[in-house]
Amino acid sequence: MNEFDRMRRTAERIKETYPPGTRIQLDHMEDPWAPVPPGTRGTVQYVDDIGQIGMKWDNGRSLSLVPGEDSFRKLTDSELAEENNQKNNNDMDGDDLDEDDSPVLSM
């Protein structure tokens, strides 16, 4: 197997392991200039043809992960359930309602 085939197979395996929508928590990023802070969570947007994972981080960043260089993990089912509960609680706290309990529309 040549190097191109090895890289293609590796990228395909990463695409299967981290499909779009997968939630990830960063442990450590090897970017020397502007790494995403450890512990930051984000959502996979795509995996490119060389296996880099395009991310939308919860802190607004969009720096990709490089498997083999960066350290990260998928969120567990219990962590995902906890995030959903927090989101549901935040949605129900009334911040999106006007004084008369009608939804507030923003532009």
N, C-alpha and C. Protein backbone atom coordinates (compact mmCIF):
# COMPACT_ATOMS: atom_id res chain seq x y z
N MET A 1 0.86 -1.18 0.00
CA MET A 1 0.00 0.00 0.00
C MET A 1 0.90 1.24 0.00
N ASN A 2 0.59 2.17 -0.89
CA ASN A 2 1.40 3.38 -0.94
C ASN A 2 0.88 4.41 0.09
N GLU A 3 1.63 5.48 0.24
CA GLU A 3 1.31 6.50 1.24
C GLU A 3 -0.06 7.14 0.98
N PHE A 4 -0.39 7.38 -0.28
CA PHE A 4 -1.68 7.97 -0.61
C PHE A 4 -2.83 7.07 -0.14
N ASP A 5 -2.73 5.78 -0.41
CA ASP A 5 -3.78 4.84 0.02
C ASP A 5 -3.89 4.79 1.53
N ARG A 6 -2.75 4.82 2.22
CA ARG A 6 -2.77 4.79 3.68
C ARG A 6 -3.48 6.03 4.23
N MET A 7 -3.14 7.20 3.68
CA MET A 7 -3.77 8.44 4.15
C MET A 7 -5.26 8.45 3.85
N ARG A 8 -5.65 7.95 2.67
CA ARG A 8 -7.07 7.91 2.30
C ARG A 8 -7.83 7.00 3.24
N ARG A 9 -7.27 5.84 3.56
CA ARG A 9 -7.94 4.91 4.48
C ARG A 9 -8.04 5.49 5.88
N THR A 10 -6.99 6.16 6.30
CA THR A 10 -7.02 6.81 7.61
C THR A 10 -8.11 7.87 7.67
N ALA A 11 -8.21 8.70 6.62
CA ALA A 11 -9.23 9.75 6.57
C ALA A 11 -10.63 9.13 6.57
N GLU A 12 -10.83 8.04 5.85
CA GLU A 12 -12.14 7.38 5.83
C GLU A 12 -12.51 6.84 7.21
N ARG A 13 -11.54 6.28 7.92
CA ARG A 13 -11.78 5.77 9.27
C ARG A 13 -12.16 6.91 10.22
N ILE A 14 -11.48 8.05 10.09
CA ILE A 14 -11.79 9.21 10.93
C ILE A 14 -13.19 9.73 10.60
N LYS A 15 -13.55 9.76 9.31
CA LYS A 15 -14.89 10.21 8.91
C LYS A 15 -15.97 9.32 9.51
N GLU A 16 -15.72 8.02 9.57
CA GLU A 16 -16.70 7.09 10.17
C GLU A 16 -16.78 7.26 11.68
N THR A 17 -15.64 7.53 12.31
CA THR A 17 -15.59 7.65 13.77
C THR A 17 -16.17 8.98 14.25
N TYR A 18 -15.97 10.05 13.48
CA TYR A 18 -16.40 11.39 13.88
C TYR A 18 -17.30 12.02 12.81
N PRO A 19 -18.52 11.51 12.62
CA PRO A 19 -19.40 12.12 11.62
C PRO A 19 -19.85 13.51 12.06
N PRO A 20 -20.32 14.34 11.12
CA PRO A 20 -20.82 15.66 11.49
C PRO A 20 -21.86 15.56 12.60
N GLY A 21 -21.77 16.48 13.56
CA GLY A 21 -22.68 16.50 14.69
C GLY A 21 -22.10 15.85 15.94
N THR A 22 -20.99 15.11 15.80
CA THR A 22 -20.35 14.48 16.96
C THR A 22 -19.83 15.55 17.90
N ARG A 23 -20.10 15.38 19.18
CA ARG A 23 -19.62 16.34 20.19
C ARG A 23 -18.29 15.84 20.74
N ILE A 24 -17.33 16.76 20.85
CA ILE A 24 -15.97 16.45 21.26
C ILE A 24 -15.53 17.41 22.36
N GLN A 25 -14.68 16.90 23.25
CA GLN A 25 -14.02 17.75 24.24
C GLN A 25 -12.53 17.70 23.99
N LEU A 26 -11.90 18.86 23.93
CA LEU A 26 -10.48 18.97 23.70
C LEU A 26 -9.70 18.75 24.99
N ASP A 27 -8.67 17.92 24.93
CA ASP A 27 -7.75 17.76 26.06
C ASP A 27 -6.53 18.65 25.88
N HIS A 28 -5.96 18.65 24.67
CA HIS A 28 -4.76 19.46 24.40
C HIS A 28 -4.63 19.67 22.90
N MET A 29 -4.25 20.89 22.51
CA MET A 29 -4.05 21.20 21.10
C MET A 29 -2.60 21.62 20.89
N GLU A 30 -1.99 21.10 19.84
CA GLU A 30 -0.58 21.36 19.55
C GLU A 30 -0.33 22.64 18.77
N ASP A 31 -1.31 23.49 18.59
CA ASP A 31 -1.13 24.75 17.86
C ASP A 31 -0.31 25.71 18.73
N PRO A 32 0.91 26.10 18.30
CA PRO A 32 1.76 26.94 19.14
C PRO A 32 1.34 28.41 19.19
N TRP A 33 0.50 28.88 18.27
CA TRP A 33 0.17 30.30 18.20
C TRP A 33 -1.15 30.64 18.87
N ALA A 34 -2.18 29.87 18.61
CA ALA A 34 -3.50 30.23 19.16
C ALA A 34 -4.33 28.97 19.39
N PRO A 35 -3.90 28.11 20.30
CA PRO A 35 -4.67 26.87 20.51
C PRO A 35 -6.02 27.15 21.16
N VAL A 36 -6.94 26.24 20.94
CA VAL A 36 -8.21 26.26 21.65
C VAL A 36 -7.90 25.78 23.07
N PRO A 37 -8.45 26.42 24.10
CA PRO A 37 -8.13 26.03 25.48
C PRO A 37 -8.57 24.60 25.81
N PRO A 38 -7.78 23.89 26.60
CA PRO A 38 -8.17 22.55 27.05
C PRO A 38 -9.52 22.58 27.74
N GLY A 39 -10.31 21.53 27.54
CA GLY A 39 -11.62 21.44 28.16
C GLY A 39 -12.74 22.03 27.31
N THR A 40 -12.38 22.75 26.24
CA THR A 40 -13.39 23.34 25.37
C THR A 40 -14.12 22.22 24.62
N ARG A 41 -15.42 22.39 24.50
CA ARG A 41 -16.24 21.43 23.77
C ARG A 41 -16.66 22.03 22.43
N GLY A 42 -16.93 21.14 21.47
CA GLY A 42 -17.34 21.60 20.16
C GLY A 42 -18.03 20.51 19.38
N THR A 43 -18.48 20.87 18.19
CA THR A 43 -19.23 19.97 17.32
C THR A 43 -18.48 19.79 16.01
N VAL A 44 -18.37 18.53 15.58
CA VAL A 44 -17.73 18.23 14.30
C VAL A 44 -18.60 18.77 13.18
N GLN A 45 -17.98 19.51 12.26
CA GLN A 45 -18.66 20.02 11.08
C GLN A 45 -18.39 19.14 9.87
N TYR A 46 -17.15 18.64 9.75
CA TYR A 46 -16.75 17.81 8.62
C TYR A 46 -15.39 17.18 8.93
N VAL A 47 -15.01 16.20 8.15
CA VAL A 47 -13.65 15.67 8.15
C VAL A 47 -13.15 15.81 6.72
N ASP A 48 -11.99 16.46 6.54
CA ASP A 48 -11.49 16.67 5.19
C ASP A 48 -10.77 15.43 4.66
N ASP A 49 -10.28 15.52 3.44
CA ASP A 49 -9.69 14.36 2.77
C ASP A 49 -8.36 13.91 3.35
N ILE A 50 -7.73 14.72 4.19
CA ILE A 50 -6.51 14.27 4.84
C ILE A 50 -6.75 13.92 6.31
N GLY A 51 -8.02 13.93 6.73
CA GLY A 51 -8.38 13.47 8.06
C GLY A 51 -8.42 14.52 9.15
N GLN A 52 -8.25 15.80 8.79
CA GLN A 52 -8.41 16.84 9.80
C GLN A 52 -9.89 17.04 10.09
N ILE A 53 -10.21 17.25 11.36
CA ILE A 53 -11.60 17.36 11.79
C ILE A 53 -11.97 18.83 11.92
N GLY A 54 -12.85 19.30 11.03
CA GLY A 54 -13.32 20.67 11.07
C GLY A 54 -14.30 20.84 12.21
N MET A 55 -14.01 21.77 13.11
CA MET A 55 -14.79 21.94 14.33
C MET A 55 -15.46 23.30 14.40
N LYS A 56 -16.59 23.32 15.09
CA LYS A 56 -17.22 24.56 15.53
C LYS A 56 -17.18 24.48 17.05
N TRP A 57 -16.23 25.19 17.63
CA TRP A 57 -16.06 25.14 19.08
C TRP A 57 -17.11 26.00 19.78
N ASP A 58 -17.49 25.60 20.98
CA ASP A 58 -18.52 26.32 21.74
C ASP A 58 -18.09 27.75 22.08
N ASN A 59 -16.77 28.02 22.07
CA ASN A 59 -16.30 29.37 22.38
C ASN A 59 -16.23 30.26 21.13
N GLY A 60 -16.76 29.76 19.99
CA GLY A 60 -16.81 30.56 18.77
C GLY A 60 -15.66 30.31 17.81
N ARG A 61 -14.64 29.60 18.24
CA ARG A 61 -13.50 29.31 17.37
C ARG A 61 -13.89 28.25 16.34
N SER A 62 -13.07 28.11 15.29
CA SER A 62 -13.34 27.10 14.28
C SER A 62 -12.06 26.37 13.86
N LEU A 63 -11.08 26.32 14.72
CA LEU A 63 -9.81 25.66 14.41
C LEU A 63 -10.00 24.15 14.35
N SER A 64 -9.44 23.53 13.30
CA SER A 64 -9.58 22.08 13.09
C SER A 64 -8.70 21.28 14.05
N LEU A 65 -9.13 20.05 14.31
CA LEU A 65 -8.34 19.09 15.08
C LEU A 65 -7.50 18.27 14.12
N VAL A 66 -6.31 17.91 14.56
CA VAL A 66 -5.42 17.05 13.79
C VAL A 66 -5.22 15.77 14.59
N PRO A 67 -5.92 14.69 14.22
CA PRO A 67 -5.74 13.43 14.94
C PRO A 67 -4.27 13.00 14.89
N GLY A 68 -3.80 12.50 16.03
CA GLY A 68 -2.40 12.11 16.13
C GLY A 68 -1.52 13.20 16.67
N GLU A 69 -1.97 14.46 16.56
CA GLU A 69 -1.24 15.58 17.14
C GLU A 69 -2.01 16.18 18.31
N ASP A 70 -3.29 16.40 18.11
CA ASP A 70 -4.14 16.97 19.17
C ASP A 70 -4.75 15.83 19.98
N SER A 71 -5.03 16.12 21.23
CA SER A 71 -5.63 15.13 22.13
C SER A 71 -7.07 15.55 22.42
N PHE A 72 -8.02 14.64 22.16
CA PHE A 72 -9.44 14.95 22.34
C PHE A 72 -10.21 13.65 22.49
N ARG A 73 -11.49 13.78 22.86
CA ARG A 73 -12.35 12.60 23.01
C ARG A 73 -13.79 12.97 22.70
N LYS A 74 -14.56 11.93 22.31
CA LYS A 74 -16.00 12.11 22.15
C LYS A 74 -16.63 12.27 23.53
N LEU A 75 -17.70 13.06 23.59
CA LEU A 75 -18.45 13.15 24.84
C LEU A 75 -19.20 11.84 25.06
N THR A 76 -19.31 11.45 26.32
CA THR A 76 -20.04 10.23 26.66
C THR A 76 -21.54 10.49 26.57
N ASP A 77 -22.31 9.41 26.57
CA ASP A 77 -23.78 9.55 26.54
C ASP A 77 -24.27 10.36 27.73
N SER A 78 -23.69 10.15 28.90
CA SER A 78 -24.14 10.90 30.09
C SER A 78 -23.78 12.38 29.96
N GLU A 79 -22.63 12.70 29.38
CA GLU A 79 -22.27 14.11 29.16
C GLU A 79 -23.20 14.76 28.14
N LEU A 80 -23.55 14.02 27.11
CA LEU A 80 -24.50 14.54 26.11
C LEU A 80 -25.86 14.78 26.74
N ALA A 81 -26.31 13.86 27.59
CA ALA A 81 -27.60 14.02 28.26
C ALA A 81 -27.56 15.24 29.18
N GLU A 82 -26.45 15.43 29.88
CA GLU A 82 -26.30 16.59 30.76
C GLU A 82 -26.34 17.89 29.96
N GLU A 83 -25.66 17.93 28.81
CA GLU A 83 -25.71 19.12 27.96
C GLU A 83 -27.13 19.40 27.50
N ASN A 84 -27.86 18.36 27.09
CA ASN A 84 -29.24 18.53 26.64
C ASN A 84 -30.12 19.03 27.77
N ASN A 85 -29.93 18.53 28.98
CA ASN A 85 -30.70 19.00 30.13
C ASN A 85 -30.41 20.46 30.40
N GLN A 86 -29.14 20.85 30.34
CA GLN A 86 -28.78 22.25 30.57
C GLN A 86 -29.40 23.14 29.50
N LYS A 87 -29.35 22.69 28.25
CA LYS A 87 -29.93 23.47 27.15
C LYS A 87 -31.43 23.62 27.35
N ASN A 88 -32.09 22.53 27.72
CA ASN A 88 -33.54 22.59 27.95
C ASN A 88 -33.88 23.51 29.11
N ASN A 89 -33.08 23.46 30.17
CA ASN A 89 -33.31 24.35 31.31
C ASN A 89 -33.09 25.80 30.92
N ASN A 90 -32.07 26.07 30.10
CA ASN A 90 -31.82 27.44 29.65
C ASN A 90 -32.93 27.92 28.73
N ASP A 91 -33.46 27.03 27.90
CA ASP A 91 -34.56 27.40 27.01
C ASP A 91 -35.83 27.71 27.78
N MET A 92 -35.99 27.13 28.95
CA MET A 92 -37.21 27.29 29.72
C MET A 92 -37.10 28.37 30.79
N ASP A 93 -35.96 29.07 30.87
CA ASP A 93 -35.80 30.04 31.94
C ASP A 93 -36.48 31.37 31.68
N GLY A 94 -37.10 31.53 30.49
CA GLY A 94 -37.89 32.72 30.22
C GLY A 94 -37.14 33.85 29.58
N ASP A 95 -35.85 33.68 29.28
CA ASP A 95 -35.08 34.76 28.67
C ASP A 95 -35.58 35.14 27.29
N ASP A 96 -36.26 34.23 26.62
CA ASP A 96 -36.73 34.50 25.26
C ASP A 96 -38.18 34.96 25.24
N LEU A 97 -38.70 35.39 26.38
CA LEU A 97 -40.08 35.84 26.45
C LEU A 97 -40.13 37.32 26.82
N ASP A 98 -41.11 37.99 26.28
CA ASP A 98 -41.35 39.39 26.61
C ASP A 98 -42.14 39.46 27.92
N GLU A 99 -42.46 40.66 28.38
CA GLU A 99 -43.18 40.81 29.64
C GLU A 99 -44.50 40.06 29.66
N ASP A 100 -45.15 39.95 28.51
CA ASP A 100 -46.45 39.28 28.46
C ASP A 100 -46.31 37.81 28.06
N ASP A 101 -45.11 37.23 28.24
CA ASP A 101 -44.81 35.83 27.94
C ASP A 101 -44.91 35.49 26.46
N SER A 102 -44.85 36.50 25.59
CA SER A 102 -44.81 36.20 24.16
C SER A 102 -43.35 36.15 23.70
N PRO A 103 -43.04 35.36 22.70
CA PRO A 103 -41.65 35.25 22.25
C PRO A 103 -41.11 36.58 21.76
N VAL A 104 -39.83 36.80 22.03
CA VAL A 104 -39.15 38.00 21.58
C VAL A 104 -38.46 37.66 20.26
N LEU A 105 -38.73 38.44 19.24
CA LEU A 105 -38.10 38.24 17.95
C LEU A 105 -36.96 39.22 17.81
N SER A 106 -35.81 38.71 17.41
CA SER A 106 -34.68 39.61 17.21
C SER A 106 -34.25 39.55 15.76
N MET A 107 -33.60 40.63 15.31
CA MET A 107 -33.14 40.70 13.92
C MET A 107 -31.67 40.93 13.88
